[in-house]
């Protein structure tokens, strides 16, 4: 039973490091135009997120969609959302910032760097190359068949389906152990 609990802790523990700005959906195709969301979680417990800046790759048309309580500005190379008075992303909460992108270019992926501003003045820079060991990876939109498809996937994406299967398996194993102990008692 201790082994099962240790496995469960190892599976759940890394997820806290994954709370970063991401683009949804995570995949599209070159030439497509569509609405995407930049999901922004507030992983702090002591300060609200009051501003988000997303930098759009060169040559990608982008138009931010209106969002209640947030002022939108074009900045050099990107879009900035600033919270209006009394609005923010509270600790432990998540907000989706919608953008119309496209047509998307012929390349394997797009990388969107982002700056997340907190009410206490801290700025978290989600700007690192999106590799597995990046602490603050930029958001990635996988364009599938665009450009050189032989490149390996370094998006740093998390295998959520695998985690769900493992959690269900561990839960099932715990249930079997519990039932066997009850029968023995």
C-alpha atoms as a PDB file:
ATOM      1  CA  UNK A   1       0.000   0.000   0.000  1.00  0.00           C
ATOM      2  CA  UNK A   2       2.863   2.396   0.790  1.00  0.00           C
ATOM      3  CA  UNK A   3       4.337   1.765  -2.656  1.00  0.00           C
ATOM      4  CA  UNK A   4       1.019   2.625  -4.298  1.00  0.00           C
ATOM      5  CA  UNK A   5       0.751   5.840  -2.306  1.00  0.00           C
ATOM      6  CA  UNK A   6       4.338   6.770  -3.219  1.00  0.00           C
ATOM      7  CA  UNK A   7       3.578   6.225  -6.911  1.00  0.00           C
ATOM      8  CA  UNK A   8       0.471   8.400  -6.617  1.00  0.00           C
ATOM      9  CA  UNK A   9       2.458  11.188  -4.946  1.00  0.00           C
ATOM     10  CA  UNK A  10       5.099  11.040  -7.687  1.00  0.00           C
ATOM     11  CA  UNK A  11       2.411  11.280 -10.354  1.00  0.00           C
ATOM     12  CA  UNK A  12       0.642  14.224  -8.788  1.00  0.00           C
ATOM     13  CA  UNK A  13       3.669  16.194  -7.539  1.00  0.00           C
ATOM     14  CA  UNK A  14       5.031  17.301 -10.931  1.00  0.00           C
ATOM     15  CA  UNK A  15       1.713  18.822 -11.974  1.00  0.00           C
ATOM     16  CA  UNK A  16       2.277  21.914  -9.827  1.00  0.00           C
ATOM     17  CA  UNK A  17       5.323  22.786 -11.920  1.00  0.00           C
ATOM     18  CA  UNK A  18       3.150  22.695 -15.038  1.00  0.00           C
ATOM     19  CA  UNK A  19       0.986  25.656 -14.111  1.00  0.00           C
ATOM     20  CA  UNK A  20       2.109  27.972 -16.885  1.00  0.00           C
ATOM     21  CA  UNK A  21       0.601  30.014 -19.690  1.00  0.00           C
ATOM     22  CA  UNK A  22      -0.547  27.615 -22.420  1.00  0.00           C
ATOM     23  CA  UNK A  23      -2.324  27.968 -25.751  1.00  0.00           C
ATOM     24  CA  UNK A  24      -5.542  26.034 -26.380  1.00  0.00           C
ATOM     25  CA  UNK A  25      -6.201  24.146 -28.461  1.00  0.00           C
ATOM     26  CA  UNK A  26      -2.615  22.919 -28.516  1.00  0.00           C
ATOM     27  CA  UNK A  27      -2.715  21.877 -32.178  1.00  0.00           C
ATOM     28  CA  UNK A  28      -3.827  23.319 -35.502  1.00  0.00           C
ATOM     29  CA  UNK A  29      -2.750  23.235 -39.134  1.00  0.00           C
ATOM     30  CA  UNK A  30      -0.829  25.647 -41.347  1.00  0.00           C
ATOM     31  CA  UNK A  31      -3.168  27.915 -43.289  1.00  0.00           C
ATOM     32  CA  UNK A  32      -5.915  27.671 -40.666  1.00  0.00           C
ATOM     33  CA  UNK A  33      -7.504  30.653 -38.946  1.00  0.00           C
ATOM     34  CA  UNK A  34      -9.206  30.134 -35.610  1.00  0.00           C
ATOM     35  CA  UNK A  35      -9.878  31.219 -32.062  1.00  0.00           C
ATOM     36  CA  UNK A  36      -7.298  30.233 -29.488  1.00  0.00           C
ATOM     37  CA  UNK A  37      -7.117  30.827 -25.745  1.00  0.00           C
ATOM     38  CA  UNK A  38      -4.077  31.654 -23.682  1.00  0.00           C
ATOM     39  CA  UNK A  39      -4.883  29.852 -20.439  1.00  0.00           C
ATOM     40  CA  UNK A  40      -3.296  31.669 -17.533  1.00  0.00           C
ATOM     41  CA  UNK A  41      -3.354  30.125 -14.061  1.00  0.00           C
ATOM     42  CA  UNK A  42      -2.450  32.116 -10.963  1.00  0.00           C
ATOM     43  CA  UNK A  43      -0.190  29.729  -9.098  1.00  0.00           C
ATOM     44  CA  UNK A  44       0.591  32.180  -6.310  1.00  0.00           C
ATOM     45  CA  UNK A  45      -1.287  32.144  -3.014  1.00  0.00           C
ATOM     46  CA  UNK A  46      -0.511  35.705  -1.989  1.00  0.00           C
ATOM     47  CA  UNK A  47      -1.004  37.933  -5.062  1.00  0.00           C
ATOM     48  CA  UNK A  48      -3.448  38.305  -7.942  1.00  0.00           C
ATOM     49  CA  UNK A  49      -2.499  38.379 -11.623  1.00  0.00           C
ATOM     50  CA  UNK A  50      -3.266  41.851 -12.986  1.00  0.00           C
ATOM     51  CA  UNK A  51      -1.687  41.830 -16.450  1.00  0.00           C
ATOM     52  CA  UNK A  52      -0.743  39.389 -19.188  1.00  0.00           C
ATOM     53  CA  UNK A  53       1.449  40.093 -22.191  1.00  0.00           C
ATOM     54  CA  UNK A  54       1.615  37.535 -25.009  1.00  0.00           C
ATOM     55  CA  UNK A  55       4.162  37.961 -27.793  1.00  0.00           C
ATOM     56  CA  UNK A  56       2.926  36.842 -31.200  1.00  0.00           C
ATOM     57  CA  UNK A  57       5.458  35.293 -33.605  1.00  0.00           C
ATOM     58  CA  UNK A  58       6.358  37.479 -36.605  1.00  0.00           C
ATOM     59  CA  UNK A  59       4.021  37.144 -39.544  1.00  0.00           C
ATOM     60  CA  UNK A  60       1.089  35.689 -37.592  1.00  0.00           C
ATOM     61  CA  UNK A  61      -2.044  37.855 -37.793  1.00  0.00           C
ATOM     62  CA  UNK A  62      -3.619  38.183 -34.336  1.00  0.00           C
ATOM     63  CA  UNK A  63      -6.696  39.917 -32.977  1.00  0.00           C
ATOM     64  CA  UNK A  64      -7.573  39.843 -29.274  1.00  0.00           C
ATOM     65  CA  UNK A  65     -11.211  39.175 -28.479  1.00  0.00           C
ATOM     66  CA  UNK A  66     -12.935  41.535 -26.011  1.00  0.00           C
ATOM     67  CA  UNK A  67     -12.945  40.338 -22.418  1.00  0.00           C
ATOM     68  CA  UNK A  68     -15.103  41.764 -19.650  1.00  0.00           C
ATOM     69  CA  UNK A  69     -13.003  43.503 -16.998  1.00  0.00           C
ATOM     70  CA  UNK A  70      -9.797  43.590 -19.039  1.00  0.00           C
ATOM     71  CA  UNK A  71      -8.382  46.362 -21.231  1.00  0.00           C
ATOM     72  CA  UNK A  72      -6.632  45.173 -24.392  1.00  0.00           C
ATOM     73  CA  UNK A  73      -3.661  46.999 -25.914  1.00  0.00           C
ATOM     74  CA  UNK A  74      -1.382  46.190 -28.829  1.00  0.00           C
ATOM     75  CA  UNK A  75       2.237  46.242 -27.722  1.00  0.00           C
ATOM     76  CA  UNK A  76       5.429  45.816 -29.726  1.00  0.00           C
ATOM     77  CA  UNK A  77       5.195  42.278 -31.006  1.00  0.00           C
ATOM     78  CA  UNK A  78       2.128  41.264 -29.060  1.00  0.00           C
ATOM     79  CA  UNK A  79      -1.025  41.823 -27.066  1.00  0.00           C
ATOM     80  CA  UNK A  80      -1.428  43.078 -23.502  1.00  0.00           C
ATOM     81  CA  UNK A  81      -4.419  42.512 -21.230  1.00  0.00           C
ATOM     82  CA  UNK A  82      -4.602  44.745 -18.140  1.00  0.00           C
ATOM     83  CA  UNK A  83      -7.156  44.117 -15.403  1.00  0.00           C
ATOM     84  CA  UNK A  84      -9.647  46.890 -14.792  1.00  0.00           C
ATOM     85  CA  UNK A  85     -10.190  48.156 -11.235  1.00  0.00           C
ATOM     86  CA  UNK A  86     -11.433  45.323  -9.016  1.00  0.00           C
ATOM     87  CA  UNK A  87     -10.685  42.609 -11.595  1.00  0.00           C
ATOM     88  CA  UNK A  88      -7.805  40.105 -11.564  1.00  0.00           C
ATOM     89  CA  UNK A  89      -6.988  36.430 -11.620  1.00  0.00           C
ATOM     90  CA  UNK A  90      -7.258  35.534  -7.958  1.00  0.00           C
ATOM     91  CA  UNK A  91      -4.837  33.053  -6.342  1.00  0.00           C
ATOM     92  CA  UNK A  92      -5.617  29.498  -7.386  1.00  0.00           C
ATOM     93  CA  UNK A  93      -7.835  30.619 -10.286  1.00  0.00           C
ATOM     94  CA  UNK A  94      -7.365  30.471 -14.063  1.00  0.00           C
ATOM     95  CA  UNK A  95      -8.458  32.789 -16.883  1.00  0.00           C
ATOM     96  CA  UNK A  96      -8.591  32.236 -20.657  1.00  0.00           C
ATOM     97  CA  UNK A  97      -7.599  35.144 -22.903  1.00  0.00           C
ATOM     98  CA  UNK A  98      -9.051  34.629 -26.390  1.00  0.00           C
ATOM     99  CA  UNK A  99      -7.275  35.577 -29.627  1.00  0.00           C
ATOM    100  CA  UNK A 100      -8.119  35.024 -33.272  1.00  0.00           C
ATOM    101  CA  UNK A 101      -4.963  33.802 -35.029  1.00  0.00           C
ATOM    102  CA  UNK A 102      -4.333  33.166 -38.689  1.00  0.00           C
ATOM    103  CA  UNK A 103      -3.878  32.240 -41.278  1.00  0.00           C
ATOM    104  CA  UNK A 104      -1.163  30.200 -39.573  1.00  0.00           C
ATOM    105  CA  UNK A 105       2.242  29.867 -41.295  1.00  0.00           C
ATOM    106  CA  UNK A 106       3.833  26.764 -42.839  1.00  0.00           C
ATOM    107  CA  UNK A 107       6.042  25.583 -39.985  1.00  0.00           C
ATOM    108  CA  UNK A 108       5.994  22.809 -37.385  1.00  0.00           C
ATOM    109  CA  UNK A 109       5.043  24.957 -34.390  1.00  0.00           C
ATOM    110  CA  UNK A 110       4.582  28.455 -33.047  1.00  0.00           C
ATOM    111  CA  UNK A 111       6.096  29.575 -29.740  1.00  0.00           C
ATOM    112  CA  UNK A 112       4.335  32.315 -27.759  1.00  0.00           C
ATOM    113  CA  UNK A 113       6.368  33.973 -25.022  1.00  0.00           C
ATOM    114  CA  UNK A 114       4.365  35.562 -22.211  1.00  0.00           C
ATOM    115  CA  UNK A 115       4.843  37.847 -19.217  1.00  0.00           C
ATOM    116  CA  UNK A 116       2.515  37.390 -16.249  1.00  0.00           C
ATOM    117  CA  UNK A 117       2.306  40.419 -13.932  1.00  0.00           C
ATOM    118  CA  UNK A 118       1.206  40.169 -10.302  1.00  0.00           C
ATOM    119  CA  UNK A 119      -0.328  42.849  -8.089  1.00  0.00           C
ATOM    120  CA  UNK A 120       2.798  42.961  -5.898  1.00  0.00           C
ATOM    121  CA  UNK A 121       5.004  43.868  -8.898  1.00  0.00           C
ATOM    122  CA  UNK A 122       6.464  40.408  -9.606  1.00  0.00           C
ATOM    123  CA  UNK A 123       6.701  39.500 -13.289  1.00  0.00           C
ATOM    124  CA  UNK A 124       6.919  35.830 -14.244  1.00  0.00           C
ATOM    125  CA  UNK A 125       8.527  35.373 -17.645  1.00  0.00           C
ATOM    126  CA  UNK A 126       7.184  32.352 -19.534  1.00  0.00           C
ATOM    127  CA  UNK A 127       9.839  32.727 -22.228  1.00  0.00           C
ATOM    128  CA  UNK A 128      12.132  29.692 -22.131  1.00  0.00           C
ATOM    129  CA  UNK A 129      12.446  27.305 -25.048  1.00  0.00           C
ATOM    130  CA  UNK A 130       9.736  24.713 -24.440  1.00  0.00           C
ATOM    131  CA  UNK A 131      11.882  21.736 -23.518  1.00  0.00           C
ATOM    132  CA  UNK A 132      11.242  19.097 -20.850  1.00  0.00           C
ATOM    133  CA  UNK A 133      13.639  20.701 -18.387  1.00  0.00           C
ATOM    134  CA  UNK A 134      12.437  24.307 -18.837  1.00  0.00           C
ATOM    135  CA  UNK A 135      11.231  25.883 -15.591  1.00  0.00           C
ATOM    136  CA  UNK A 136       9.294  28.656 -17.320  1.00  0.00           C
ATOM    137  CA  UNK A 137       8.461  27.371 -20.820  1.00  0.00           C
ATOM    138  CA  UNK A 138       6.770  29.487 -23.460  1.00  0.00           C
ATOM    139  CA  UNK A 139       3.387  28.338 -24.803  1.00  0.00           C
ATOM    140  CA  UNK A 140       3.489  26.154 -27.933  1.00  0.00           C
ATOM    141  CA  UNK A 141       0.985  25.695 -30.751  1.00  0.00           C
ATOM    142  CA  UNK A 142       1.810  22.502 -32.668  1.00  0.00           C
ATOM    143  CA  UNK A 143       1.045  22.947 -36.368  1.00  0.00           C
ATOM    144  CA  UNK A 144       1.391  19.295 -37.231  1.00  0.00           C
ATOM    145  CA  UNK A 145       2.464  18.770 -40.824  1.00  0.00           C
ATOM    146  CA  UNK A 146       3.869  22.250 -41.406  1.00  0.00           C
ATOM    147  CA  UNK A 147       7.516  22.602 -42.406  1.00  0.00           C
ATOM    148  CA  UNK A 148      10.027  19.982 -41.232  1.00  0.00           C
ATOM    149  CA  UNK A 149       7.998  17.225 -39.598  1.00  0.00           C
ATOM    150  CA  UNK A 150      11.102  15.216 -38.750  1.00  0.00           C
ATOM    151  CA  UNK A 151      11.871  17.511 -35.825  1.00  0.00           C
ATOM    152  CA  UNK A 152      11.243  15.917 -32.465  1.00  0.00           C
ATOM    153  CA  UNK A 153       8.429  17.214 -30.282  1.00  0.00           C
ATOM    154  CA  UNK A 154      10.031  19.361 -27.614  1.00  0.00           C
ATOM    155  CA  UNK A 155       6.824  21.090 -26.574  1.00  0.00           C
ATOM    156  CA  UNK A 156       7.167  19.856 -23.022  1.00  0.00           C
ATOM    157  CA  UNK A 157       3.492  18.886 -23.177  1.00  0.00           C
ATOM    158  CA  UNK A 158       2.316  16.738 -20.309  1.00  0.00           C
ATOM    159  CA  UNK A 159       0.874  13.267 -21.073  1.00  0.00           C
ATOM    160  CA  UNK A 160      -2.469  13.798 -19.298  1.00  0.00           C
ATOM    161  CA  UNK A 161      -4.137  10.688 -20.764  1.00  0.00           C
ATOM    162  CA  UNK A 162      -1.301   8.559 -19.371  1.00  0.00           C
ATOM    163  CA  UNK A 163      -1.660  10.197 -15.952  1.00  0.00           C
ATOM    164  CA  UNK A 164      -5.421   9.544 -15.927  1.00  0.00           C
ATOM    165  CA  UNK A 165      -4.855   5.872 -16.770  1.00  0.00           C
ATOM    166  CA  UNK A 166      -2.182   5.552 -14.065  1.00  0.00           C
ATOM    167  CA  UNK A 167      -4.330   7.280 -11.431  1.00  0.00           C
ATOM    168  CA  UNK A 168      -7.279   5.006 -12.264  1.00  0.00           C
ATOM    169  CA  UNK A 169      -4.987   1.967 -12.097  1.00  0.00           C
ATOM    170  CA  UNK A 170      -3.578   3.041  -8.721  1.00  0.00           C
ATOM    171  CA  UNK A 171      -7.092   3.747  -7.452  1.00  0.00           C
ATOM    172  CA  UNK A 172      -8.218   0.294  -8.583  1.00  0.00           C
ATOM    173  CA  UNK A 173      -5.234  -1.330  -6.920  1.00  0.00           C
ATOM    174  CA  UNK A 174      -5.996   0.515  -3.676  1.00  0.00           C
ATOM    175  CA  UNK A 175      -9.628  -0.643  -3.858  1.00  0.00           C
ATOM    176  CA  UNK A 176      -8.526  -4.289  -4.308  1.00  0.00           C
ATOM    177  CA  UNK A 177      -6.130  -4.039  -1.356  1.00  0.00           C
ATOM    178  CA  UNK A 178      -8.862  -2.505   0.803  1.00  0.00           C
ATOM    179  CA  UNK A 179     -11.388  -5.221  -0.127  1.00  0.00           C
ATOM    180  CA  UNK A 180      -8.888  -7.986   0.579  1.00  0.00           C
ATOM    181  CA  UNK A 181      -8.101  -6.520   4.009  1.00  0.00           C
ATOM    182  CA  UNK A 182     -11.810  -6.358   4.851  1.00  0.00           C
ATOM    183  CA  UNK A 183     -12.280 -10.021   3.873  1.00  0.00           C
ATOM    184  CA  UNK A 184      -9.321 -11.083   6.035  1.00  0.00           C
ATOM    185  CA  UNK A 185     -10.602  -9.163   9.081  1.00  0.00           C
END
